[in-house]
Amino acid sequence: LEEDYARADVSALMQFVAVQRGDFVLLEPGTPHAVGAGVTLIEPQRVAPGRGGVTYRYWDWNRRYATDGTLDPGFGDNGKVHIGFGNDDFANALTLQPDGQIILAGTYCDEPLVGDCEFSPDLDFALARLNFNGTLDTSFGLGGKVTTGFGGDEVIRAIALQADGKIVVAGRKEGEGFALARYLSNGALDGAFDDDGKLTTPMGGLDNTAYGLVIQSDGKI
């Protein structure tokens, strides 16, 4: 049966999404998907403390792998890196810098106990920058990590780099609308962006979220 599926032409059943260099595609948990050739796959996972995380993917569409299929031993702990901020922290977006460093962006729960995160969450923006070998870049924020609060529940869903190296993230502030922040290359908030580096934009609803952002050639977002 598996061999029959392997030989079957299922392309007519698939919805193909064209991507280009620099695109980031967010797949919500539980979304059936296949990944095409020439696409770098990075899977940040939300893993609750004391639990495991599993991602299921049907197959990789026309992708080619190294014959041994092993993780890169030169990255982190035999190809894997875990970054903790506190309770219930997870990444939703990432970008690669021209120098090969990796910036992860998402959220973490600013509560002392795991149970508090489930019933009365106080979520803040969270970012981390990794060196090419998977270690935290200690020149970024505090020990390689940055957190930013807006006074409510905030989640990052998108990230982009400006040509000058500044970092722009977008997502939501619950009950207010889109939430954006801009950081200098060292992780400090950019005071030239809306005076304090942070901005919320009401969109006429209770839970509006920005899932993407683009930096125009003139620097506008």
Protein backbone atom coordinates (compact mmCIF):
# COMPACT_ATOMS: atom_id res chain seq x y z
CA LEU A 1 0.00 0.00 0.00
CA GLU A 2 2.78 2.43 0.88
CA GLU A 3 4.48 1.63 -2.43
CA ASP A 4 1.23 2.36 -4.28
CA TYR A 5 1.00 5.75 -2.60
CA ALA A 6 4.63 6.45 -3.40
CA ARG A 7 4.02 5.83 -7.12
CA ALA A 8 0.71 7.73 -7.28
CA ASP A 9 0.51 11.16 -8.88
CA VAL A 10 -1.27 13.27 -6.26
CA SER A 11 -0.28 16.66 -7.65
CA ALA A 12 -3.87 17.32 -8.76
CA LEU A 13 -4.97 17.09 -5.14
CA MET A 14 -2.39 19.57 -3.86
CA GLN A 15 -2.60 23.34 -3.55
CA PHE A 16 0.78 24.69 -4.63
CA VAL A 17 2.02 27.95 -3.10
CA ALA A 18 4.73 29.81 -5.00
CA VAL A 19 7.50 31.20 -2.81
CA GLN A 20 10.60 33.25 -3.45
CA ARG A 21 13.79 33.94 -1.54
CA GLY A 22 13.04 35.69 1.75
CA ASP A 23 9.44 34.45 2.04
CA PHE A 24 8.27 32.96 5.33
CA VAL A 25 5.23 30.69 5.43
CA LEU A 26 3.52 29.98 8.75
CA LEU A 27 1.79 26.61 9.04
CA GLU A 28 -0.66 26.38 11.89
CA PRO A 29 -0.39 23.23 14.04
CA GLY A 30 -2.27 20.30 12.51
CA THR A 31 -2.06 21.59 8.92
CA PRO A 32 -1.36 18.77 6.42
CA HIS A 33 1.48 19.91 4.19
CA ALA A 34 4.32 18.89 1.91
CA VAL A 35 7.50 20.92 1.37
CA GLY A 36 8.93 21.42 -2.09
CA ALA A 37 12.47 21.34 -3.42
CA GLY A 38 14.72 24.32 -2.68
CA VAL A 39 12.78 25.33 0.44
CA THR A 40 14.52 25.49 3.81
CA LEU A 41 12.35 23.92 6.49
CA ILE A 42 12.70 25.15 10.08
CA GLU A 43 10.17 23.98 12.63
CA PRO A 44 9.93 25.98 15.87
CA GLN A 45 7.70 24.05 18.24
CA ARG A 46 5.71 25.06 21.28
CA VAL A 47 6.64 22.61 24.00
CA ALA A 48 5.10 22.94 27.46
CA PRO A 49 7.46 22.36 30.41
CA GLY A 50 7.88 18.67 31.10
CA ARG A 51 6.25 17.61 27.83
CA GLY A 52 7.44 16.58 24.39
CA GLY A 53 6.67 18.06 21.00
CA VAL A 54 5.92 16.16 17.79
CA THR A 55 5.36 17.47 14.26
CA TYR A 56 3.87 15.26 11.55
CA ARG A 57 4.52 15.88 7.85
CA TYR A 58 3.19 13.61 5.09
CA TRP A 59 6.20 13.78 2.80
CA ASP A 60 8.66 16.17 1.21
CA TRP A 61 7.75 16.97 -2.36
CA ASN A 62 10.68 16.31 -4.72
CA ARG A 63 13.25 17.09 -2.02
CA ARG A 64 16.72 15.57 -1.92
CA TYR A 65 18.64 14.85 1.26
CA ALA A 66 22.16 13.90 2.18
CA THR A 67 22.49 10.14 2.10
CA ASP A 68 23.13 9.82 5.84
CA GLY A 69 20.25 12.14 6.88
CA THR A 70 22.00 13.09 10.12
CA LEU A 71 21.60 16.31 12.10
CA ASP A 72 24.37 18.90 11.82
CA PRO A 73 26.74 18.23 14.75
CA GLY A 74 28.18 21.73 14.33
CA PHE A 75 24.89 23.35 15.40
CA GLY A 76 23.90 23.37 19.07
CA ASP A 77 23.74 19.99 20.78
CA ASN A 78 24.15 17.59 17.86
CA GLY A 79 21.93 19.71 15.63
CA LYS A 80 19.35 20.82 18.21
CA VAL A 81 18.95 23.96 20.33
CA HIS A 82 16.54 24.69 23.18
CA ILE A 83 16.06 28.29 24.33
CA GLY A 84 14.09 28.96 27.49
CA PHE A 85 12.58 32.27 28.58
CA GLY A 86 10.41 31.09 31.46
CA ASN A 87 7.00 29.45 31.26
CA ASP A 88 5.13 28.45 28.09
CA ASP A 89 7.49 30.15 25.63
CA PHE A 90 7.38 29.41 21.90
CA ALA A 91 8.61 30.75 18.56
CA ASN A 92 6.31 31.74 15.71
CA ALA A 93 8.72 33.38 13.26
CA LEU A 94 12.38 33.56 12.34
CA THR A 95 14.73 35.27 9.93
CA LEU A 96 18.30 34.75 8.82
CA GLN A 97 20.75 37.66 8.88
CA PRO A 98 23.21 38.13 6.02
CA ASP A 99 26.02 37.02 8.38
CA GLY A 100 24.27 33.69 9.02
CA GLN A 101 22.92 34.51 12.49
CA ILE A 102 19.38 33.36 13.24
CA ILE A 103 16.73 35.51 14.96
CA LEU A 104 13.80 33.67 16.52
CA ALA A 105 10.68 35.59 17.54
CA GLY A 106 7.57 34.60 19.45
CA THR A 107 6.24 34.98 22.95
CA TYR A 108 6.65 33.86 26.52
CA CYS A 109 4.46 33.85 29.60
CA ASP A 110 5.53 36.40 32.20
CA GLU A 111 4.00 34.47 35.10
CA PRO A 112 5.86 32.67 37.91
CA LEU A 113 3.91 29.40 37.65
CA VAL A 114 2.93 27.25 34.68
CA GLY A 115 -0.68 27.09 35.88
CA ASP A 116 -0.90 30.87 35.86
CA CYS A 117 -0.01 30.86 32.16
CA GLU A 118 -2.94 28.58 31.37
CA PHE A 119 -5.66 30.45 33.26
CA SER A 120 -4.44 34.06 33.41
CA PRO A 121 -1.71 34.53 30.82
CA ASP A 122 0.51 37.59 30.65
CA LEU A 123 2.26 37.13 27.31
CA ASP A 124 5.13 39.31 26.09
CA PHE A 125 7.18 39.57 22.89
CA ALA A 126 10.28 37.37 23.00
CA LEU A 127 13.29 37.28 20.66
CA ALA A 128 16.58 35.38 20.64
CA ARG A 129 19.56 35.54 18.32
CA LEU A 130 21.77 32.55 17.62
CA ASN A 131 25.23 32.40 16.18
CA PHE A 132 25.91 30.17 13.18
CA ASN A 133 26.87 27.34 15.55
CA GLY A 134 23.62 27.56 17.54
CA THR A 135 24.95 29.37 20.61
CA LEU A 136 23.18 32.47 21.89
CA ASP A 137 24.69 35.74 20.65
CA THR A 138 25.52 37.48 23.94
CA SER A 139 25.83 40.87 22.18
CA PHE A 140 22.07 40.77 21.57
CA GLY A 141 19.85 41.92 24.44
CA LEU A 142 20.55 40.18 27.74
CA GLY A 143 22.62 37.08 27.06
CA GLY A 144 21.16 36.70 23.57
CA LYS A 145 17.51 37.19 24.51
CA VAL A 146 15.07 40.14 24.50
CA THR A 147 11.57 40.46 25.95
CA THR A 148 9.15 43.34 25.44
CA GLY A 149 5.83 43.98 27.15
CA PHE A 150 3.00 46.26 26.06
CA GLY A 151 0.98 45.92 29.26
CA GLY A 152 -1.21 43.02 28.20
CA ASP A 153 -1.05 39.83 26.16
CA GLU A 154 1.21 40.20 23.14
CA VAL A 155 2.38 37.65 20.57
CA ILE A 156 4.84 38.02 17.68
CA ARG A 157 3.73 36.43 14.42
CA ALA A 158 6.11 37.99 11.85
CA ILE A 159 9.64 39.36 11.62
CA ALA A 160 11.67 41.24 9.00
CA LEU A 161 15.09 42.85 8.71
CA GLN A 162 15.65 46.37 7.46
CA ALA A 163 18.59 47.14 5.19
CA ASP A 164 20.27 48.97 8.08
CA GLY A 165 20.13 45.87 10.29
CA LYS A 166 17.19 46.98 12.43
CA ILE A 167 14.69 44.27 13.35
CA VAL A 168 10.94 44.75 12.94
CA VAL A 169 8.38 42.39 14.47
CA ALA A 170 4.60 42.35 14.27
CA GLY A 171 1.75 40.47 15.88
CA ARG A 172 -1.02 41.47 18.22
CA LYS A 173 -1.89 43.02 21.55
CA GLU A 174 -5.05 41.38 22.79
CA GLY A 175 -8.02 43.72 22.78
CA GLU A 176 -6.21 46.50 20.89
CA GLY A 177 -5.10 45.25 17.47
CA PHE A 178 -1.83 45.03 15.60
CA ALA A 179 1.31 45.36 17.71
CA LEU A 180 4.71 46.25 16.24
CA ALA A 181 8.16 46.85 17.64
CA ARG A 182 11.47 47.83 16.10
CA TYR A 183 14.84 46.96 17.58
CA LEU A 184 18.38 48.07 16.95
CA SER A 185 20.82 45.38 15.86
CA ASN A 186 21.91 44.93 19.50
CA GLY A 187 18.35 44.14 20.63
CA ALA A 188 17.54 47.50 22.20
CA LEU A 189 14.21 49.09 21.31
CA ASP A 190 14.59 51.77 18.63
CA GLY A 191 13.50 55.06 20.19
CA ALA A 192 13.14 56.60 16.72
CA PHE A 193 10.17 54.29 16.10
CA ASP A 194 7.05 55.89 17.65
CA ASP A 195 9.22 57.41 20.44
CA ASP A 196 9.64 54.17 22.44
CA GLY A 197 10.14 51.48 19.80
CA LYS A 198 6.60 50.08 20.17
CA LEU A 199 3.34 50.74 18.35
CA THR A 200 -0.21 49.41 18.53
CA THR A 201 -2.68 49.95 15.72
CA PRO A 202 -6.42 49.37 16.35
CA MET A 203 -8.12 47.61 13.44
CA GLY A 204 -11.74 47.76 14.55
CA GLY A 205 -11.90 44.36 16.22
CA LEU A 206 -11.06 42.69 19.51
CA ASP A 207 -8.32 40.31 18.43
CA ASN A 208 -6.72 41.48 15.19
CA THR A 209 -3.33 39.92 14.45
CA ALA A 210 -0.64 40.83 11.92
CA TYR A 211 0.69 37.58 10.41
CA GLY A 212 3.12 39.19 7.98
CA LEU A 213 5.09 42.34 7.26
CA VAL A 214 7.24 43.73 4.46
CA ILE A 215 9.89 46.45 4.45
CA GLN A 216 9.42 48.63 1.36
CA SER A 217 12.37 50.00 -0.59
CA ASP A 218 11.69 53.44 0.94
CA GLY A 219 11.86 51.99 4.48
CA LYS A 220 8.12 52.04 5.13
CA ILE A 221 6.55 48.99 6.79
